[in-house]
Protein backbone atom coordinates (compact mmCIF):
# COMPACT_ATOMS: atom_id res chain seq x y z
CA MET A 1 -32.55 18.22 4.49
CA SER A 2 -29.99 15.42 4.28
CA SER A 3 -26.55 15.88 5.76
CA ILE A 4 -25.09 15.81 2.23
CA GLU A 5 -27.17 18.85 1.24
CA ARG A 6 -26.22 21.00 4.24
CA THR A 7 -24.11 24.06 3.43
CA ASP A 8 -24.45 26.09 6.63
CA SER A 9 -21.03 25.12 8.04
CA ILE A 10 -17.83 23.88 6.48
CA ASP A 11 -17.23 21.97 9.72
CA GLN A 12 -20.20 19.76 8.85
CA ALA A 13 -19.00 19.02 5.31
CA HIS A 14 -18.05 15.34 5.07
CA ALA A 15 -15.19 15.78 2.62
CA TYR A 16 -13.71 18.64 4.64
CA ARG A 17 -13.83 16.61 7.86
CA LEU A 18 -12.20 13.60 6.17
CA GLN A 19 -9.49 15.80 4.65
CA ARG A 20 -8.92 17.47 8.03
CA LEU A 21 -8.73 14.06 9.70
CA GLY A 22 -6.11 12.98 7.16
CA ARG A 23 -4.03 16.03 7.98
CA LEU A 24 -4.38 15.43 11.73
CA LEU A 25 -3.35 11.79 11.33
CA ARG A 26 -0.34 12.79 9.22
CA TYR A 27 0.68 15.36 11.84
CA GLN A 28 0.40 12.75 14.59
CA LEU A 29 2.44 10.29 12.54
CA LEU A 30 5.10 12.95 11.85
CA ARG A 31 5.41 13.49 15.60
CA ALA A 32 5.55 9.76 16.30
CA LEU A 33 8.22 9.15 13.64
CA ALA A 34 10.39 12.19 14.44
CA PRO A 35 12.59 10.33 16.97
CA PHE A 36 13.35 7.79 14.22
CA ALA A 37 14.24 10.43 11.59
CA LEU A 38 11.59 9.09 9.21
CA THR A 39 8.67 10.70 7.42
CA PRO A 40 5.30 8.93 7.11
CA GLU A 41 6.00 8.39 3.42
CA GLN A 42 9.38 6.79 4.13
CA PHE A 43 7.74 4.55 6.73
CA VAL A 44 5.22 3.38 4.10
CA ILE A 45 8.09 2.45 1.76
CA LEU A 46 9.81 0.48 4.53
CA PHE A 47 6.50 -1.20 5.38
CA ARG A 48 5.85 -2.17 1.74
CA LEU A 49 9.35 -3.64 1.52
CA HIS A 50 8.80 -5.45 4.81
CA GLU A 51 5.67 -6.99 3.26
CA GLN A 52 7.49 -7.91 0.04
CA ASP A 53 11.19 -7.20 -0.15
CA GLY A 54 12.86 -6.73 -3.52
CA GLN A 55 10.00 -4.95 -5.26
CA VAL A 56 10.68 -3.14 -8.49
CA GLN A 57 10.70 0.55 -7.62
CA LYS A 58 7.66 1.33 -9.75
CA GLU A 59 5.66 -1.25 -7.74
CA LEU A 60 6.04 1.07 -4.75
CA VAL A 61 4.14 3.82 -6.58
CA ASP A 62 0.61 4.57 -5.42
CA ASP A 63 -1.51 3.97 -8.52
CA VAL A 64 -4.04 6.61 -7.50
CA PHE A 65 -1.52 9.44 -7.24
CA ASP A 66 1.08 8.19 -9.76
CA ASP A 67 3.84 9.54 -7.56
CA ARG A 68 6.86 8.10 -9.39
CA ALA A 69 9.07 11.17 -8.89
CA ASN A 70 8.26 11.26 -5.19
CA ILE A 71 8.99 7.54 -4.79
CA THR A 72 12.37 8.05 -6.46
CA HIS A 73 13.12 10.87 -4.02
CA LEU A 74 12.00 8.79 -1.02
CA VAL A 75 14.03 5.77 -2.10
CA ASN A 76 17.06 8.04 -2.63
CA GLN A 77 16.68 9.35 0.94
CA LEU A 78 16.28 5.85 2.38
CA THR A 79 19.32 4.67 0.38
CA ALA A 80 21.41 7.58 1.67
CA ALA A 81 20.34 6.69 5.23
CA GLY A 82 21.41 3.09 4.64
CA HIS A 83 17.91 1.63 5.08
CA VAL A 84 17.43 0.32 1.54
CA ARG A 85 19.57 -0.67 -1.40
CA ARG A 86 18.85 -0.88 -5.12
CA GLU A 87 19.91 -3.70 -7.37
CA ARG A 88 19.59 -4.03 -11.11
CA HIS A 89 16.69 -6.31 -12.09
CA GLU A 90 17.92 -9.76 -13.17
CA THR A 91 16.08 -9.83 -16.50
CA ASP A 92 15.30 -6.16 -17.20
CA GLY A 93 18.35 -3.95 -16.74
CA ARG A 94 16.24 -0.80 -17.03
CA GLN A 95 14.52 -1.57 -13.74
CA ARG A 96 15.83 -1.51 -10.20
CA ARG A 97 14.67 -3.71 -7.37
CA VAL A 98 14.61 -2.21 -3.88
CA PHE A 99 15.58 -4.21 -0.78
CA LEU A 100 15.66 -3.50 2.93
CA THR A 101 19.14 -3.50 4.40
CA GLU A 102 19.82 -4.92 7.86
CA SER A 103 19.71 -1.34 9.13
CA GLY A 104 16.37 -0.85 7.37
CA ARG A 105 14.93 -4.00 8.95
CA GLU A 106 16.08 -2.90 12.39
CA ARG A 107 14.70 0.59 11.87
CA PHE A 108 11.39 -0.78 10.62
CA ASP A 109 11.05 -3.15 13.58
CA SER A 110 11.67 -0.41 16.14
CA VAL A 111 9.39 2.07 14.36
CA LEU A 112 6.63 -0.51 13.94
CA LYS A 113 6.64 -1.28 17.65
CA HIS A 114 6.27 2.43 18.42
CA ALA A 115 3.67 2.97 15.67
CA LEU A 116 1.54 0.14 17.05
CA GLU A 117 1.63 1.76 20.50
CA VAL A 118 0.53 5.09 19.00
CA ARG A 119 -2.20 3.38 16.98
CA ALA A 120 -3.49 1.56 20.07
CA GLU A 121 -3.73 4.86 21.92
CA LEU A 122 -5.29 6.67 18.98
CA PHE A 123 -8.06 4.11 18.51
CA SER A 124 -8.49 3.12 22.17
CA ASP A 125 -12.04 4.55 22.30
CA PHE A 126 -13.24 2.23 19.52
CA THR A 127 -14.28 -1.41 19.58
CA ASP A 128 -12.87 -3.84 17.03
CA ASP A 129 -16.30 -3.90 15.34
CA GLU A 130 -16.32 -0.10 15.08
CA LEU A 131 -12.84 -0.11 13.55
CA ASP A 132 -13.88 -2.79 11.06
CA GLN A 133 -16.92 -0.69 10.17
CA LEU A 134 -14.73 2.41 9.76
CA MET A 135 -12.46 0.51 7.35
CA THR A 136 -15.54 -0.62 5.40
CA PHE A 137 -16.74 2.97 5.09
CA VAL A 138 -13.30 4.20 4.02
CA ALA A 139 -13.08 1.45 1.38
CA ARG A 140 -16.52 2.41 0.04
CA ILE A 141 -15.53 6.08 -0.23
CA GLU A 142 -12.26 5.14 -1.98
CA GLU A 143 -14.16 2.87 -4.37
CA ARG A 144 -16.68 5.61 -5.15
CA ILE A 145 -13.95 8.15 -5.80
CA GLY A 146 -12.16 5.62 -8.01
CA SER A 147 -15.31 5.18 -10.08
CA MET A 148 -15.59 8.95 -10.54
CA VAL A 149 -12.05 9.45 -11.86
C-alpha cells in the first residue's frame, strides 16, 4: 500500500501534516513578531513593499486567495501605525499606491533581522540542498493544487 492510500492514522496524512506545519509556522511567526506589534500578514505586506515600494494596493493581493478585503484591512492597520501611506495613482484616480514610510522601513529592517535569526534557528538541522529540495517539493504541490482549481 502506498503512503497516499493509507487511512489508518490522520497523523500520517500528507495534507494534514502540511496544514499542521503551516499552523505551527504561523504560531512561531506570531511569537517572533509579537515584540514588534506586527502580525505575519502585516509583515508580508511590509516585505512586499520593501521588494517593490509604491505598489497599487490590489497588487498586494494573493491571487490564490483573492483576499482584497483583508489586504484593505491590513493596509489600514499599517497606515494607522504609521508604517505605510497611500497616495492616489498618478494616472488612475480610482487606485491607490502604497508606500513604506520611514517608520515602516525602520520597522521592516528590525523585524527582518529578527526574522532571519528565527529562520536560521528553525532550519538549522537542514542543509542548503535539503532546503532547496523542500522548496522544490512545495512548489510542485502548489502547482498541482493550482491545476486542480
